[in-house]
């Protein structure tokens, strides 16, 4: 699969989410205190992302 979400634990013990396309990191989140919260972030992105507004600040 060319794209995927990854959950990992950082040095502070917080769970983080990153989205990768091929091997390139497209975005990463701030830390969450629980893995469940990180999974909720993924669910929210999957649910709300397709309808997200695009804001061009260029």
Protein backbone atom coordinates (compact mmCIF):
# COMPACT_ATOMS: atom_id res chain seq x y z
CA UNK A 1 0.00 0.00 0.00
CA UNK A 2 1.36 3.39 -0.98
CA UNK A 3 -0.19 5.26 1.94
CA UNK A 4 -0.74 4.51 5.61
CA UNK A 5 -1.23 5.91 9.08
CA UNK A 6 1.38 5.03 11.71
CA UNK A 7 1.07 5.29 15.48
CA UNK A 8 4.27 5.47 17.51
CA UNK A 9 5.38 6.40 21.00
CA UNK A 10 7.77 9.32 21.31
CA UNK A 11 10.56 9.89 23.84
CA UNK A 12 8.12 11.57 26.26
CA UNK A 13 5.88 8.49 26.18
CA UNK A 14 3.16 10.18 24.13
CA UNK A 15 1.44 8.52 21.20
CA UNK A 16 1.72 10.27 17.87
CA UNK A 17 0.19 9.69 14.45
CA UNK A 18 1.82 10.28 11.11
CA UNK A 19 0.50 9.78 7.62
CA UNK A 20 2.92 8.48 5.02
CA UNK A 21 2.63 8.29 1.26
CA UNK A 22 5.18 5.85 -0.08
CA UNK A 23 7.97 6.48 2.42
CA UNK A 24 7.42 10.25 2.71
CA UNK A 25 5.80 11.69 5.84
CA UNK A 26 2.95 13.94 4.73
CA UNK A 27 1.91 15.07 8.22
CA UNK A 28 2.29 14.19 11.89
CA UNK A 29 0.18 15.05 14.93
CA UNK A 30 1.00 16.40 18.34
CA UNK A 31 1.28 13.86 21.15
CA UNK A 32 -1.65 12.07 22.78
CA UNK A 33 -1.58 10.59 26.28
CA UNK A 34 -3.35 7.40 25.18
CA UNK A 35 -3.27 5.16 22.14
CA UNK A 36 -7.08 5.34 22.02
CA UNK A 37 -6.86 9.11 21.50
CA UNK A 38 -4.39 8.62 18.66
CA UNK A 39 -6.75 6.11 17.04
CA UNK A 40 -9.62 8.59 17.46
CA UNK A 41 -7.56 11.19 15.63
CA UNK A 42 -7.11 8.78 12.72
CA UNK A 43 -10.84 8.04 12.67
CA UNK A 44 -11.65 11.75 12.66
CA UNK A 45 -9.27 12.41 9.77
CA UNK A 46 -10.72 9.51 7.78
CA UNK A 47 -14.30 10.63 8.46
CA UNK A 48 -13.93 14.39 8.07
CA UNK A 49 -10.94 14.69 5.74
CA UNK A 50 -12.70 14.07 2.42
CA UNK A 51 -15.02 17.01 3.09
CA UNK A 52 -12.39 19.35 4.49
CA UNK A 53 -12.21 22.83 3.07
CA UNK A 54 -9.03 23.86 1.26
CA UNK A 55 -7.61 27.19 2.38
CA UNK A 56 -5.02 28.65 0.01
CA UNK A 57 -2.91 31.26 1.79
CA UNK A 58 -0.40 31.75 -1.00
